[in-house]
C-alpha atoms as a PDB file:
ATOM      1  CA  MET A   1      10.182 -16.920 -12.407  1.00  0.00           C
ATOM      2  CA  ALA A   2       8.009 -19.895 -11.682  1.00  0.00           C
ATOM      3  CA  PRO A   3       5.203 -19.414 -14.214  1.00  0.00           C
ATOM      4  CA  ALA A   4       7.857 -19.311 -16.914  1.00  0.00           C
ATOM      5  CA  VAL A   5       9.767 -22.387 -15.804  1.00  0.00           C
ATOM      6  CA  ARG A   6       9.441 -26.030 -16.770  1.00  0.00           C
ATOM      7  CA  PRO A   7      10.225 -28.758 -14.209  1.00  0.00           C
ATOM      8  CA  ASP A   8      13.681 -29.155 -15.787  1.00  0.00           C
ATOM      9  CA  GLY A   9      14.471 -25.536 -14.993  1.00  0.00           C
ATOM     10  CA  HIS A  10      14.217 -24.159 -18.542  1.00  0.00           C
ATOM     11  CA  ARG A  11      12.036 -21.166 -19.246  1.00  0.00           C
ATOM     12  CA  LEU A  12       8.761 -21.646 -21.047  1.00  0.00           C
ATOM     13  CA  VAL A  13       7.749 -19.928 -24.251  1.00  0.00           C
ATOM     14  CA  PHE A  14       4.555 -17.941 -23.702  1.00  0.00           C
ATOM     15  CA  GLU A  15       2.163 -18.582 -26.577  1.00  0.00           C
ATOM     16  CA  ALA A  16      -0.935 -17.176 -24.841  1.00  0.00           C
ATOM     17  CA  PRO A  17      -1.623 -13.474 -24.197  1.00  0.00           C
ATOM     18  CA  LEU A  18       0.053 -12.122 -21.075  1.00  0.00           C
ATOM     19  CA  ARG A  19      -0.128  -8.771 -19.295  1.00  0.00           C
ATOM     20  CA  VAL A  20       2.389  -7.751 -16.641  1.00  0.00           C
ATOM     21  CA  SER A  21       2.817  -4.742 -14.385  1.00  0.00           C
ATOM     22  CA  GLY A  22       6.011  -4.684 -12.374  1.00  0.00           C
ATOM     23  CA  VAL A  23       9.001  -2.810 -11.011  1.00  0.00           C
ATOM     24  CA  GLN A  24      12.626  -3.852 -10.689  1.00  0.00           C
ATOM     25  CA  SER A  25      15.648  -2.545  -8.812  1.00  0.00           C
ATOM     26  CA  GLY A  26      18.259  -3.114 -11.507  1.00  0.00           C
ATOM     27  CA  ASN A  27      18.579  -3.405 -15.273  1.00  0.00           C
ATOM     28  CA  PHE A  28      21.037  -4.743 -17.826  1.00  0.00           C
ATOM     29  CA  SER A  29      21.115  -5.741 -21.482  1.00  0.00           C
ATOM     30  CA  GLY A  30      23.614  -6.239 -24.238  1.00  0.00           C
ATOM     31  CA  PRO A  31      23.584  -4.372 -27.566  1.00  0.00           C
ATOM     32  CA  VAL A  32      20.695  -4.550 -30.028  1.00  0.00           C
ATOM     33  CA  GLY A  33      20.705  -7.870 -31.859  1.00  0.00           C
ATOM     34  CA  SER A  34      22.577  -9.728 -29.131  1.00  0.00           C
ATOM     35  CA  THR A  35      21.159 -12.492 -26.929  1.00  0.00           C
ATOM     36  CA  VAL A  36      22.597 -10.858 -23.789  1.00  0.00           C
ATOM     37  CA  GLY A  37      19.800  -9.858 -21.453  1.00  0.00           C
ATOM     38  CA  GLN A  38      17.796 -10.713 -18.367  1.00  0.00           C
ATOM     39  CA  GLN A  39      15.368 -13.614 -18.038  1.00  0.00           C
ATOM     40  CA  PRO A  40      14.854 -14.295 -21.764  1.00  0.00           C
ATOM     41  CA  TRP A  41      11.395 -15.711 -22.330  1.00  0.00           C
ATOM     42  CA  ARG A  42      12.667 -18.153 -24.970  1.00  0.00           C
ATOM     43  CA  ASP A  43      15.988 -19.536 -26.202  1.00  0.00           C
ATOM     44  CA  GLY A  44      17.554 -17.269 -28.814  1.00  0.00           C
ATOM     45  CA  ALA A  45      15.580 -14.153 -27.869  1.00  0.00           C
ATOM     46  CA  THR A  46      17.452 -11.040 -28.995  1.00  0.00           C
ATOM     47  CA  VAL A  47      17.662  -7.493 -27.669  1.00  0.00           C
ATOM     48  CA  ARG A  48      15.444  -5.095 -29.634  1.00  0.00           C
ATOM     49  CA  GLU A  49      16.030  -2.029 -27.481  1.00  0.00           C
ATOM     50  CA  GLN A  50      19.232  -1.708 -25.478  1.00  0.00           C
ATOM     51  CA  GLN A  51      18.720  -0.664 -21.870  1.00  0.00           C
ATOM     52  CA  ALA A  52      21.055   1.485 -19.809  1.00  0.00           C
ATOM     53  CA  THR A  53      22.825  -0.504 -17.111  1.00  0.00           C
ATOM     54  CA  PHE A  54      21.374   0.277 -13.710  1.00  0.00           C
ATOM     55  CA  TRP A  55      22.607  -1.286 -10.468  1.00  0.00           C
ATOM     56  CA  GLY A  56      20.120   0.048  -7.968  1.00  0.00           C
ATOM     57  CA  TRP A  57      19.425  -2.116  -4.938  1.00  0.00           C
ATOM     58  CA  THR A  58      21.208  -5.354  -5.796  1.00  0.00           C
ATOM     59  CA  PRO A  59      21.961  -7.139  -2.512  1.00  0.00           C
ATOM     60  CA  GLN A  60      24.143 -10.191  -2.034  1.00  0.00           C
ATOM     61  CA  TYR A  61      23.177 -12.044   1.162  1.00  0.00           C
ATOM     62  CA  GLY A  62      21.305 -10.704   4.180  1.00  0.00           C
ATOM     63  CA  TYR A  63      17.752 -10.638   5.501  1.00  0.00           C
ATOM     64  CA  LEU A  64      15.164  -9.354   3.015  1.00  0.00           C
ATOM     65  CA  GLU A  65      11.455  -8.932   3.640  1.00  0.00           C
ATOM     66  CA  LEU A  66       8.303  -7.762   1.922  1.00  0.00           C
ATOM     67  CA  ARG A  67       5.107  -6.851   3.774  1.00  0.00           C
ATOM     68  CA  ALA A  68       2.287  -6.913   1.269  1.00  0.00           C
ATOM     69  CA  ARG A  69      -1.182  -8.111   0.401  1.00  0.00           C
ATOM     70  CA  ALA A  70      -2.478  -9.372  -2.932  1.00  0.00           C
ATOM     71  CA  VAL A  71      -5.767  -9.504  -4.773  1.00  0.00           C
ATOM     72  CA  VAL A  72      -5.763 -12.173  -7.484  1.00  0.00           C
ATOM     73  CA  THR A  73      -8.334 -14.248  -9.335  1.00  0.00           C
ATOM     74  CA  ALA A  74      -8.121 -17.506 -11.257  1.00  0.00           C
ATOM     75  CA  ARG A  75      -6.646 -15.584 -14.202  1.00  0.00           C
ATOM     76  CA  SER A  76      -3.863 -13.758 -12.326  1.00  0.00           C
ATOM     77  CA  MET A  77      -0.910 -14.039  -9.943  1.00  0.00           C
ATOM     78  CA  ALA A  78       1.446 -11.901  -7.879  1.00  0.00           C
ATOM     79  CA  ALA A  79       5.124 -12.405  -7.075  1.00  0.00           C
ATOM     80  CA  TRP A  80       8.347 -11.094  -5.562  1.00  0.00           C
ATOM     81  CA  TRP A  81      11.625 -12.568  -6.753  1.00  0.00           C
ATOM     82  CA  LEU A  82      15.337 -11.831  -7.111  1.00  0.00           C
ATOM     83  CA  VAL A  83      17.401 -12.535 -10.222  1.00  0.00           C
ATOM     84  CA  GLY A  84      20.966 -12.174 -11.351  1.00  0.00           C
ATOM     85  CA  LEU A  85      21.527  -9.310 -13.766  1.00  0.00           C
ATOM     86  CA  GLU A  86      23.050 -11.755 -16.284  1.00  0.00           C
ATOM     87  CA  ASP A  87      26.033  -9.492 -16.896  1.00  0.00           C
ATOM     88  CA  GLN A  88      27.721 -12.884 -17.014  1.00  0.00           C
ATOM     89  CA  ALA A  89      25.780 -15.736 -18.621  1.00  0.00           C
ATOM     90  CA  ASP A  90      25.813 -17.932 -15.522  1.00  0.00           C
ATOM     91  CA  ARG A  91      24.684 -15.145 -13.170  1.00  0.00           C
ATOM     92  CA  CYS A  92      21.104 -15.934 -14.055  1.00  0.00           C
ATOM     93  CA  ALA A  93      19.588 -17.926 -11.180  1.00  0.00           C
ATOM     94  CA  GLU A  94      16.496 -16.831  -9.308  1.00  0.00           C
ATOM     95  CA  ILE A  95      15.388 -16.673  -5.700  1.00  0.00           C
ATOM     96  CA  CYS A  96      11.600 -16.739  -5.700  1.00  0.00           C
ATOM     97  CA  VAL A  97      10.512 -15.396  -2.311  1.00  0.00           C
ATOM     98  CA  MET A  98       6.780 -15.557  -2.968  1.00  0.00           C
ATOM     99  CA  GLU A  99       4.437 -16.176  -5.849  1.00  0.00           C
ATOM    100  CA  VAL A 100       0.731 -16.883  -5.618  1.00  0.00           C
ATOM    101  CA  PHE A 101      -1.559 -17.950  -8.448  1.00  0.00           C
ATOM    102  CA  GLY A 102      -5.200 -17.025  -7.975  1.00  0.00           C
ATOM    103  CA  ASP A 103      -6.388 -20.540  -8.761  1.00  0.00           C
ATOM    104  CA  ALA A 104      -4.336 -21.799  -5.792  1.00  0.00           C
ATOM    105  CA  VAL A 105      -6.085 -19.517  -3.296  1.00  0.00           C
ATOM    106  CA  GLU A 106      -8.946 -20.348  -0.962  1.00  0.00           C
ATOM    107  CA  PRO A 107     -10.049 -16.807  -0.057  1.00  0.00           C
ATOM    108  CA  GLY A 108      -9.556 -16.081   3.616  1.00  0.00           C
ATOM    109  CA  ILE A 109      -8.510 -19.676   4.314  1.00  0.00           C
ATOM    110  CA  SER A 110      -5.266 -20.697   2.608  1.00  0.00           C
ATOM    111  CA  ALA A 111      -2.960 -20.168  -0.350  1.00  0.00           C
ATOM    112  CA  ALA A 112      -0.231 -22.149  -2.075  1.00  0.00           C
ATOM    113  CA  VAL A 113       2.798 -19.849  -1.836  1.00  0.00           C
ATOM    114  CA  GLY A 114       5.640 -20.661  -4.219  1.00  0.00           C
ATOM    115  CA  MET A 115       9.181 -20.254  -2.896  1.00  0.00           C
ATOM    116  CA  GLY A 116      12.619 -21.594  -3.708  1.00  0.00           C
ATOM    117  CA  LEU A 117      15.403 -21.531  -6.289  1.00  0.00           C
ATOM    118  CA  HIS A 118      15.411 -21.698 -10.077  1.00  0.00           C
ATOM    119  CA  ALA A 119      18.840 -22.557 -11.482  1.00  0.00           C
ATOM    120  CA  PHE A 120      18.345 -21.683 -15.157  1.00  0.00           C
ATOM    121  CA  ARG A 121      21.913 -21.709 -16.576  1.00  0.00           C
ATOM    122  CA  ASP A 122      23.803 -21.393 -13.277  1.00  0.00           C
ATOM    123  CA  PRO A 123      25.609 -24.733 -12.740  1.00  0.00           C
ATOM    124  CA  ALA A 124      26.307 -23.872  -9.084  1.00  0.00           C
ATOM    125  CA  VAL A 125      22.591 -23.699  -8.196  1.00  0.00           C
ATOM    126  CA  SER A 126      20.217 -26.651  -8.007  1.00  0.00           C
ATOM    127  CA  GLU A 127      16.541 -26.389  -8.930  1.00  0.00           C
ATOM    128  CA  ASP A 128      14.648 -26.422  -5.628  1.00  0.00           C
ATOM    129  CA  PHE A 129      11.161 -24.933  -5.703  1.00  0.00           C
ATOM    130  CA  GLU A 130       7.913 -25.746  -3.931  1.00  0.00           C
ATOM    131  CA  ALA A 131       4.453 -24.212  -3.645  1.00  0.00           C
ATOM    132  CA  VAL A 132       3.655 -24.613   0.047  1.00  0.00           C
ATOM    133  CA  ARG A 133       0.038 -24.385   1.162  1.00  0.00           C
ATOM    134  CA  LEU A 134      -0.219 -22.018   4.114  1.00  0.00           C
ATOM    135  CA  PRO A 135      -3.235 -21.114   6.288  1.00  0.00           C
ATOM    136  CA  ILE A 136      -3.198 -17.437   5.329  1.00  0.00           C
ATOM    137  CA  GLY A 137      -5.508 -15.085   3.493  1.00  0.00           C
ATOM    138  CA  ILE A 138      -3.282 -13.273   1.019  1.00  0.00           C
ATOM    139  CA  ALA A 139      -5.739 -10.375   0.728  1.00  0.00           C
ATOM    140  CA  GLU A 140      -4.483  -9.410   4.199  1.00  0.00           C
ATOM    141  CA  PHE A 141      -0.981  -8.109   4.892  1.00  0.00           C
ATOM    142  CA  HIS A 142       1.685 -10.742   5.496  1.00  0.00           C
ATOM    143  CA  THR A 143       5.487 -10.616   5.676  1.00  0.00           C
ATOM    144  CA  TYR A 144       7.403 -12.770   3.189  1.00  0.00           C
ATOM    145  CA  ALA A 145      11.137 -12.999   3.869  1.00  0.00           C
ATOM    146  CA  VAL A 146      14.427 -14.763   3.216  1.00  0.00           C
ATOM    147  CA  GLU A 147      17.559 -15.175   5.305  1.00  0.00           C
ATOM    148  CA  TRP A 148      20.254 -15.528   2.626  1.00  0.00           C
ATOM    149  CA  THR A 149      23.828 -16.646   3.322  1.00  0.00           C
ATOM    150  CA  ALA A 150      26.563 -18.179   1.179  1.00  0.00           C
ATOM    151  CA  ASP A 151      25.558 -21.690   2.279  1.00  0.00           C
ATOM    152  CA  ARG A 152      21.762 -21.652   2.457  1.00  0.00           C
ATOM    153  CA  ILE A 153      18.628 -19.621   2.166  1.00  0.00           C
ATOM    154  CA  ASP A 154      15.704 -19.821   4.584  1.00  0.00           C
ATOM    155  CA  PHE A 155      12.183 -18.821   3.540  1.00  0.00           C
ATOM    156  CA  LEU A 156       9.855 -17.336   6.163  1.00  0.00           C
ATOM    157  CA  VAL A 157       6.269 -16.129   6.255  1.00  0.00           C
ATOM    158  CA  ASP A 158       5.208 -13.924   9.155  1.00  0.00           C
ATOM    159  CA  GLY A 159       8.408 -14.881  10.958  1.00  0.00           C
ATOM    160  CA  GLU A 160       7.756 -18.631  10.680  1.00  0.00           C
ATOM    161  CA  HIS A 161      10.359 -20.754   8.940  1.00  0.00           C
ATOM    162  CA  ILE A 162       8.752 -22.567   6.002  1.00  0.00           C
ATOM    163  CA  ARG A 163      11.576 -24.197   4.053  1.00  0.00           C
ATOM    164  CA  SER A 164      15.289 -23.947   3.223  1.00  0.00           C
ATOM    165  CA  CYS A 165      17.474 -24.451   0.171  1.00  0.00           C
ATOM    166  CA  ARG A 166      21.187 -25.177   0.032  1.00  0.00           C
ATOM    167  CA  HIS A 167      23.768 -23.482  -2.209  1.00  0.00           C
ATOM    168  CA  PRO A 168      21.827 -20.354  -3.262  1.00  0.00           C
ATOM    169  CA  PRO A 169      23.167 -17.879  -5.847  1.00  0.00           C
ATOM    170  CA  ALA A 170      26.440 -16.235  -4.830  1.00  0.00           C
ATOM    171  CA  TYR A 171      26.276 -12.877  -6.621  1.00  0.00           C
ATOM    172  CA  PRO A 172      24.343  -9.606  -6.426  1.00  0.00           C
ATOM    173  CA  MET A 173      20.710  -9.874  -7.456  1.00  0.00           C
ATOM    174  CA  GLN A 174      18.027  -7.372  -8.385  1.00  0.00           C
ATOM    175  CA  MET A 175      14.503  -7.279  -6.969  1.00  0.00           C
ATOM    176  CA  MET A 176      11.405  -7.747  -9.099  1.00  0.00           C
ATOM    177  CA  LEU A 177       7.800  -7.185  -7.989  1.00  0.00           C
ATOM    178  CA  ALA A 178       4.952  -7.852 -10.386  1.00  0.00           C
ATOM    179  CA  VAL A 179       1.360  -8.849 -10.986  1.00  0.00           C
ATOM    180  CA  PHE A 180       0.426 -11.002 -13.984  1.00  0.00           C
ATOM    181  CA  ASP A 181      -2.853 -11.351 -15.862  1.00  0.00           C
ATOM    182  CA  PHE A 182      -3.567 -14.315 -18.150  1.00  0.00           C
ATOM    183  CA  PRO A 183      -6.522 -13.338 -20.379  1.00  0.00           C
ATOM    184  CA  ASP A 184      -6.854 -16.851 -21.807  1.00  0.00           C
ATOM    185  CA  ARG A 185      -7.825 -18.088 -18.324  1.00  0.00           C
ATOM    186  CA  SER A 186     -10.863 -15.819 -18.239  1.00  0.00           C
ATOM    187  CA  THR A 187     -14.139 -17.325 -17.026  1.00  0.00           C
ATOM    188  CA  GLY A 188     -16.053 -14.949 -19.277  1.00  0.00           C
ATOM    189  CA  ASP A 189     -17.401 -12.726 -16.518  1.00  0.00           C
ATOM    190  CA  ASP A 190     -14.164 -11.284 -15.142  1.00  0.00           C
ATOM    191  CA  SER A 191     -13.182  -8.625 -17.669  1.00  0.00           C
ATOM    192  CA  ASP A 192     -13.078  -6.028 -14.887  1.00  0.00           C
ATOM    193  CA  ALA A 193     -10.820  -8.121 -12.612  1.00  0.00           C
ATOM    194  CA  ILE A 194      -7.602  -6.225 -11.870  1.00  0.00           C
ATOM    195  CA  PRO A 195      -4.859  -8.033  -9.899  1.00  0.00           C
ATOM    196  CA  GLU A 196      -3.190  -6.062  -7.144  1.00  0.00           C
ATOM    197  CA  LEU A 197       0.004  -6.311  -5.134  1.00  0.00           C
ATOM    198  CA  VAL A 198      -0.194  -3.693  -2.394  1.00  0.00           C
ATOM    199  CA  VAL A 199       3.185  -3.128  -0.726  1.00  0.00           C
ATOM    200  CA  ASP A 200       3.549  -1.736   2.786  1.00  0.00           C
ATOM    201  CA  CYS A 201       7.361  -2.053   2.884  1.00  0.00           C
ATOM    202  CA  LEU A 202      10.259  -3.814   1.221  1.00  0.00           C
ATOM    203  CA  ARG A 203      13.552  -3.770   3.104  1.00  0.00           C
ATOM    204  CA  GLY A 204      16.754  -5.618   3.725  1.00  0.00           C
ATOM    205  CA  TYR A 205      19.540  -5.886   6.290  1.00  0.00           C
ATOM    206  CA  GLN A 206      23.113  -7.086   6.018  1.00  0.00           C
ATOM    207  CA  ARG A 207      23.967  -9.621   8.704  1.00  0.00           C
END
């Protein structure tokens, strides 16, 4: 996802401490010792614990929406994204529906909401991502959605079209919801700050 992506579309190596709490709707990995797995955090990362294959809710195309609110500070972020299960090496692209870093939030006024595509190693997908500043307070409930077809994907917030991308991923993708905490971004007086992503509903419809 976006915090782990360089402008050229390659994932970053996290050197600083990182804490994550998240859920996902699918799971896949190769055998122990292999490099087959989902969203490797660095080139050459190997599987240490093989995971059972799980194809839960893995939609391909349709209308998908999340109604949620988030509480983040300058040291945290919240996100909802879809990724290929990487059962094939090139089924690895990402649809980032929403991600918000706390340092890009003006409480109660506006927030820079990241949305778009990350290609990674999928040659059929072009890198197309933007953090769009919107006049919303993310601590209140809002609906973040995509209309996903074979030709394009439209990103919407509260029913308003924000941006579109051409040639999105063309394979089933799993959902991922998570909050991230970056301890090295602490201001020294925020040790009790706990990021939240409070979900009212997450649903999808085939068109």
